[in-house]
């Protein structure tokens, strides 16, 4: 067994291969700021958990924390620093959790879909910690992600069970990467966001976020301007938030129509909020019918305006 270590949580095999083979990583200032915010908020989240009635055994220090689990596998070792063990004073369950801070879009998606579907990389990371804890003699009854919305400080915990078969798949992946003579190509990057948060993007010829100042076919310009990159990401995020907001509003209205409006209730106090219901009649102009009935008049009163359409999509 060599001294190579794998973090295993990152979805892209290529990233892990560079790491275990001693390549020098380089993280962008933007990514570092995101990680720094998470590191700074972590102790605060621990205090929130305690105020919520949880007993917390906190492994402070992030990647320099005292407690580190080492799992030997063929070709190297899998290593990781767990965040916390939490439990309720009246419950004998010991839960291994990881603290994650997220932007609003990511938090809403994760809370709705759950970690197993929306944040599989977090689940894999926790399975490594859990197996290390079990091998070290710790009691682990359940796993969980403690997520915090950086926009409004909302906190949510998603619990799930340890899956031995999932860990075996993670272990096999690690062994395959340790054994690879060259950086893997298949399914790399594994997910579209990987390159933006990869320490080795500057080395990887498969990286699709390398900064260039040229124009490439079909009038597609590639920019390295951070303001532009942030603006496009903000546009994409705002549209996803709008869609998620509409879905949440429709979901809430369905419940309220069934349990409040159907009973004829016009005002209700729900927790710390008061909901008022009223009916509104809206008159709209039927342009299609008017055009069919009065085509000449429709054309006479029709003006053309130009506007810019911003369409955002993931790179292939």
Protein backbone atom coordinates (compact mmCIF):
# COMPACT_ATOMS: atom_id res chain seq x y z
CA UNK A 1 0.00 0.00 0.00
CA UNK A 2 1.33 3.42 -0.90
CA UNK A 3 0.91 6.64 1.03
CA UNK A 4 -1.56 8.02 -1.47
CA UNK A 5 -4.77 9.53 -0.11
CA UNK A 6 -8.09 10.10 -1.84
CA UNK A 7 -10.85 12.45 -0.68
CA UNK A 8 -13.44 10.50 -2.69
CA UNK A 9 -16.27 13.04 -2.31
CA UNK A 10 -15.56 14.87 -5.58
CA UNK A 11 -17.58 13.38 -8.46
CA UNK A 12 -14.85 13.62 -11.13
CA UNK A 13 -12.33 10.73 -11.19
CA UNK A 14 -9.84 12.91 -13.03
CA UNK A 15 -9.73 15.42 -10.16
CA UNK A 16 -9.03 12.64 -7.65
CA UNK A 17 -6.32 11.11 -9.87
CA UNK A 18 -4.44 14.41 -10.06
CA UNK A 19 -4.68 14.76 -6.29
CA UNK A 20 -3.38 11.33 -5.33
CA UNK A 21 -0.53 11.55 -7.84
CA UNK A 22 0.96 14.68 -6.34
CA UNK A 23 -0.05 17.33 -8.86
CA UNK A 24 -0.16 20.86 -7.49
CA UNK A 25 -3.68 22.19 -7.19
CA UNK A 26 -4.70 25.77 -7.82
CA UNK A 27 -8.05 27.08 -6.66
CA UNK A 28 -9.66 30.26 -8.00
CA UNK A 29 -10.16 33.22 -5.68
CA UNK A 30 -13.91 32.92 -6.24
CA UNK A 31 -14.00 29.28 -5.20
CA UNK A 32 -11.75 30.00 -2.22
CA UNK A 33 -14.10 32.73 -1.05
CA UNK A 34 -17.03 30.30 -1.22
CA UNK A 35 -15.10 27.71 0.81
CA UNK A 36 -13.98 30.36 3.32
CA UNK A 37 -17.57 31.46 3.93
CA UNK A 38 -18.56 27.86 4.63
CA UNK A 39 -15.63 27.42 7.03
CA UNK A 40 -16.51 30.62 8.91
CA UNK A 41 -20.18 29.71 9.23
CA UNK A 42 -19.57 26.15 10.42
CA UNK A 43 -18.99 26.97 14.14
CA UNK A 44 -22.08 29.19 14.09
CA UNK A 45 -24.18 26.33 12.69
CA UNK A 46 -22.89 24.12 15.51
CA UNK A 47 -24.21 26.67 18.02
CA UNK A 48 -27.58 26.74 16.21
CA UNK A 49 -27.78 22.95 16.49
CA UNK A 50 -27.10 23.13 20.22
CA UNK A 51 -29.77 25.81 20.67
CA UNK A 52 -32.17 23.49 18.82
CA UNK A 53 -31.58 20.86 21.51
CA UNK A 54 -28.90 18.73 19.86
CA UNK A 55 -25.87 17.44 21.72
CA UNK A 56 -22.97 18.11 19.35
CA UNK A 57 -19.50 16.56 19.28
CA UNK A 58 -17.80 19.04 16.94
CA UNK A 59 -14.58 18.19 15.12
CA UNK A 60 -13.42 21.78 14.65
CA UNK A 61 -10.72 22.78 12.20
CA UNK A 62 -12.04 21.67 8.81
CA UNK A 63 -9.23 19.92 6.90
CA UNK A 64 -6.89 20.44 9.86
CA UNK A 65 -9.27 18.96 12.43
CA UNK A 66 -7.89 16.61 15.06
CA UNK A 67 -10.15 13.68 14.20
CA UNK A 68 -9.35 12.08 10.85
CA UNK A 69 -10.55 8.69 9.64
CA UNK A 70 -8.15 6.65 7.52
CA UNK A 71 -9.47 3.73 5.46
CA UNK A 72 -6.83 1.53 3.81
CA UNK A 73 -7.71 0.20 0.36
CA UNK A 74 -5.66 -1.47 -2.32
CA UNK A 75 -3.17 1.07 -3.66
CA UNK A 76 -3.65 3.77 -1.05
CA UNK A 77 -5.92 5.11 1.66
CA UNK A 78 -9.19 7.03 1.78
CA UNK A 79 -9.06 9.86 4.31
CA UNK A 80 -11.53 12.39 5.67
CA UNK A 81 -12.33 14.74 8.54
CA UNK A 82 -15.94 14.44 9.79
CA UNK A 83 -17.76 17.56 11.00
CA UNK A 84 -20.01 16.42 13.85
CA UNK A 85 -21.70 13.64 15.75
CA UNK A 86 -25.09 14.81 17.01
CA UNK A 87 -27.71 13.24 19.25
CA UNK A 88 -30.74 14.17 21.30
CA UNK A 89 -30.38 13.94 25.09
CA UNK A 90 -33.40 11.62 25.30
CA UNK A 91 -32.35 9.45 22.36
CA UNK A 92 -29.56 6.89 22.13
CA UNK A 93 -29.06 7.45 18.39
CA UNK A 94 -25.70 8.84 17.31
CA UNK A 95 -25.93 10.66 13.97
CA UNK A 96 -22.90 11.55 11.86
CA UNK A 97 -23.55 14.80 10.01
CA UNK A 98 -21.75 17.10 7.61
CA UNK A 99 -22.43 20.84 7.54
CA UNK A 100 -22.96 22.42 4.12
CA UNK A 101 -23.72 26.04 3.26
CA UNK A 102 -25.60 26.66 0.01
CA UNK A 103 -26.95 29.51 -2.06
CA UNK A 104 -30.72 29.85 -2.24
CA UNK A 105 -31.19 27.97 -5.51
CA UNK A 106 -29.09 25.05 -4.35
CA UNK A 107 -30.74 24.97 -0.90
CA UNK A 108 -34.29 24.94 -2.28
CA UNK A 109 -33.45 22.18 -4.74
CA UNK A 110 -31.67 20.10 -2.09
CA UNK A 111 -34.43 20.51 0.49
CA UNK A 112 -37.10 19.47 -2.01
CA UNK A 113 -35.24 16.56 -3.62
CA UNK A 114 -33.17 15.28 -0.68
CA UNK A 115 -29.44 14.57 -0.46
CA UNK A 116 -29.57 11.17 -2.14
CA UNK A 117 -30.93 12.74 -5.33
CA UNK A 118 -29.72 16.33 -5.27
CA UNK A 119 -26.32 16.10 -3.54
CA UNK A 120 -24.95 12.63 -4.13
CA UNK A 121 -21.37 13.85 -3.65
CA UNK A 122 -22.24 14.85 -0.07
CA UNK A 123 -23.75 11.42 0.54
CA UNK A 124 -20.60 9.69 -0.75
CA UNK A 125 -18.43 11.91 1.44
CA UNK A 126 -20.46 11.02 4.53
CA UNK A 127 -20.33 7.30 3.72
CA UNK A 128 -16.53 7.47 3.81
CA UNK A 129 -16.64 9.21 7.20
CA UNK A 130 -19.21 6.71 8.47
CA UNK A 131 -17.19 3.66 7.45
CA UNK A 132 -14.09 5.18 9.03
CA UNK A 133 -16.03 5.88 12.21
CA UNK A 134 -17.42 2.35 12.34
CA UNK A 135 -13.96 0.84 11.83
CA UNK A 136 -12.64 3.10 14.60
CA UNK A 137 -15.31 1.85 17.01
CA UNK A 138 -17.74 4.78 16.93
CA UNK A 139 -21.48 4.28 17.11
CA UNK A 140 -23.15 5.46 13.90
CA UNK A 141 -26.92 4.96 13.71
CA UNK A 142 -27.74 7.40 10.96
CA UNK A 143 -26.23 9.98 8.61
CA UNK A 144 -27.33 13.51 7.84
CA UNK A 145 -26.58 16.70 5.94
CA UNK A 146 -27.08 19.95 7.85
CA UNK A 147 -27.76 22.50 5.15
CA UNK A 148 -27.82 26.28 5.62
CA UNK A 149 -29.22 28.77 3.15
CA UNK A 150 -26.61 31.55 2.92
CA UNK A 151 -29.25 33.99 1.65
CA UNK A 152 -31.59 33.85 4.66
CA UNK A 153 -29.91 31.55 7.26
CA UNK A 154 -32.66 28.92 6.99
CA UNK A 155 -31.40 25.56 8.29
CA UNK A 156 -32.60 22.06 7.47
CA UNK A 157 -31.32 18.56 8.28
CA UNK A 158 -31.77 15.70 5.82
CA UNK A 159 -31.30 12.27 7.44
CA UNK A 160 -30.59 9.01 5.63
CA UNK A 161 -29.28 5.53 6.40
CA UNK A 162 -25.78 4.19 5.88
CA UNK A 163 -25.68 1.99 2.78
CA UNK A 164 -22.89 -0.61 2.86
CA UNK A 165 -23.26 -1.32 -0.86
CA UNK A 166 -22.79 2.38 -1.60
CA UNK A 167 -19.56 2.41 0.39
CA UNK A 168 -18.33 -0.67 -1.48
CA UNK A 169 -18.91 1.19 -4.77
CA UNK A 170 -16.97 4.18 -3.42
CA UNK A 171 -14.17 1.87 -2.33
CA UNK A 172 -14.01 0.22 -5.77
CA UNK A 173 -13.88 3.63 -7.42
CA UNK A 174 -10.94 4.60 -5.20
CA UNK A 175 -9.08 1.38 -6.00
CA UNK A 176 -9.59 1.90 -9.75
CA UNK A 177 -8.28 5.48 -9.53
CA UNK A 178 -5.26 4.42 -7.48
CA UNK A 179 -4.48 1.77 -10.10
CA UNK A 180 -4.81 4.10 -13.13
CA UNK A 181 -1.53 4.97 -14.87
CA UNK A 182 -3.07 7.99 -16.57
CA UNK A 183 -5.79 10.47 -15.68
CA UNK A 184 -9.20 8.87 -16.39
CA UNK A 185 -11.18 10.18 -19.35
CA UNK A 186 -14.51 8.35 -19.20
CA UNK A 187 -17.32 10.37 -17.61
CA UNK A 188 -14.98 13.28 -16.89
CA UNK A 189 -16.11 15.76 -15.82
CA UNK A 190 -18.82 13.78 -14.09
CA UNK A 191 -21.11 16.80 -13.64
CA UNK A 192 -21.20 20.21 -15.32
CA UNK A 193 -20.16 22.14 -12.18
CA UNK A 194 -17.02 20.08 -11.52
CA UNK A 195 -14.59 22.10 -13.66
CA UNK A 196 -15.54 25.38 -11.97
CA UNK A 197 -14.56 23.99 -8.55
CA UNK A 198 -11.62 21.84 -9.59
CA UNK A 199 -8.15 22.45 -8.13
CA UNK A 200 -6.61 20.99 -11.27
CA UNK A 201 -8.62 22.74 -13.99
CA UNK A 202 -5.45 24.52 -15.13
CA UNK A 203 -3.84 21.14 -15.88
CA UNK A 204 -6.74 19.27 -17.42
CA UNK A 205 -7.21 19.26 -21.19
CA UNK A 206 -10.83 18.17 -20.65
CA UNK A 207 -11.57 21.28 -18.59
CA UNK A 208 -14.35 23.33 -20.18
CA UNK A 209 -13.84 26.47 -18.08
CA UNK A 210 -10.29 27.44 -19.10
CA UNK A 211 -10.02 31.17 -19.60
CA UNK A 212 -9.61 32.24 -23.22
CA UNK A 213 -9.95 35.59 -24.95
CA UNK A 214 -10.65 34.31 -28.44
CA UNK A 215 -13.81 33.75 -30.45
CA UNK A 216 -14.64 30.26 -31.61
CA UNK A 217 -16.98 29.04 -34.36
CA UNK A 218 -20.52 30.20 -34.90
CA UNK A 219 -19.87 33.61 -33.27
CA UNK A 220 -19.46 31.98 -29.83
CA UNK A 221 -17.13 34.17 -27.79
CA UNK A 222 -15.39 32.76 -24.72
CA UNK A 223 -14.72 35.29 -21.98
CA UNK A 224 -12.52 35.35 -18.89
CA UNK A 225 -14.19 38.50 -17.53
CA UNK A 226 -15.29 37.54 -14.01
CA UNK A 227 -18.05 40.18 -13.99
CA UNK A 228 -19.59 38.65 -17.11
CA UNK A 229 -19.25 35.11 -15.77
CA UNK A 230 -20.91 36.12 -12.49
CA UNK A 231 -23.69 37.96 -14.36
CA UNK A 232 -24.52 34.92 -16.52
CA UNK A 233 -24.50 32.66 -13.47
CA UNK A 234 -26.77 35.14 -11.65
CA UNK A 235 -29.18 35.20 -14.60
CA UNK A 236 -29.35 31.40 -14.65
CA UNK A 237 -29.78 31.25 -10.88
CA UNK A 238 -32.54 33.89 -10.85
CA UNK A 239 -34.55 31.97 -13.44
CA UNK A 240 -34.17 28.72 -11.55
CA UNK A 241 -35.23 30.50 -8.35
CA UNK A 242 -38.25 31.97 -10.13
CA UNK A 243 -39.26 28.53 -11.36
CA UNK A 244 -38.71 26.98 -7.93
CA UNK A 245 -40.68 29.83 -6.35
CA UNK A 246 -43.62 29.29 -8.70
CA UNK A 247 -43.62 25.58 -7.91
CA UNK A 248 -43.52 26.27 -4.16
CA UNK A 249 -46.33 28.84 -4.44
CA UNK A 250 -48.55 26.46 -6.40
CA UNK A 251 -47.85 23.71 -3.87
CA UNK A 252 -48.79 26.02 -0.99
CA UNK A 253 -51.94 27.27 -2.72
CA UNK A 254 -53.11 23.70 -3.33
CA UNK A 255 -52.97 22.98 0.41
CA UNK A 256 -54.59 26.31 1.33
CA UNK A 257 -57.40 25.88 -1.22
CA UNK A 258 -58.20 22.47 0.26
CA UNK A 259 -57.91 23.29 3.95
CA UNK A 260 -58.73 27.00 4.21
CA UNK A 261 -60.57 28.42 1.18
CA UNK A 262 -62.87 25.39 0.85
CA UNK A 263 -64.13 26.09 4.39
CA UNK A 264 -64.95 29.71 3.55
CA UNK A 265 -62.26 31.06 5.88
CA UNK A 266 -61.11 34.56 4.87
CA UNK A 267 -58.37 35.14 7.44
CA UNK A 268 -56.25 32.74 9.48
CA UNK A 269 -53.32 33.00 11.89
CA UNK A 270 -50.74 30.34 11.06
CA UNK A 271 -47.82 30.36 13.49
CA UNK A 272 -46.33 33.86 13.38
CA UNK A 273 -48.05 34.72 10.07
CA UNK A 274 -51.52 35.93 9.17
CA UNK A 275 -53.04 34.92 5.84
CA UNK A 276 -55.86 36.97 4.26
CA UNK A 277 -57.85 35.62 1.32
CA UNK A 278 -59.89 37.74 -1.07
CA UNK A 279 -61.29 37.32 -4.56
CA UNK A 280 -60.32 39.56 -7.46
CA UNK A 281 -61.90 39.85 -10.91
CA UNK A 282 -59.49 40.63 -13.73
CA UNK A 283 -60.59 41.77 -17.18
CA UNK A 284 -58.25 40.98 -20.06
CA UNK A 285 -58.30 42.01 -23.70
CA UNK A 286 -58.67 39.11 -26.14
CA UNK A 287 -56.21 40.07 -28.85
CA UNK A 288 -56.78 36.88 -30.84
CA UNK A 289 -60.54 37.46 -31.09
CA UNK A 290 -60.05 41.16 -31.94
CA UNK A 291 -57.57 40.31 -34.68
CA UNK A 292 -60.02 37.82 -36.20
CA UNK A 293 -62.94 40.26 -36.05
CA UNK A 294 -61.11 43.46 -37.04
CA UNK A 295 -57.87 42.53 -38.87
CA UNK A 296 -57.34 45.97 -40.46
CA UNK A 297 -57.87 47.83 -37.21
CA UNK A 298 -55.63 45.33 -35.39
CA UNK A 299 -52.79 46.08 -37.85
CA UNK A 300 -53.40 49.82 -37.65
CA UNK A 301 -52.92 49.81 -33.88
CA UNK A 302 -50.06 47.31 -33.79
CA UNK A 303 -46.51 48.58 -33.24
CA UNK A 304 -43.26 46.61 -33.35
CA UNK A 305 -40.61 46.86 -30.66
CA UNK A 306 -37.22 45.23 -30.35
CA UNK A 307 -36.00 43.54 -27.20
CA UNK A 308 -33.07 41.36 -26.24
CA UNK A 309 -33.70 37.72 -25.36
CA UNK A 310 -31.19 36.22 -22.92
CA UNK A 311 -31.04 32.41 -23.14
CA UNK A 312 -28.76 30.53 -20.77
CA UNK A 313 -27.83 26.85 -21.05
CA UNK A 314 -25.17 24.53 -19.71
CA UNK A 315 -22.09 23.92 -21.87
CA UNK A 316 -21.97 20.51 -23.53
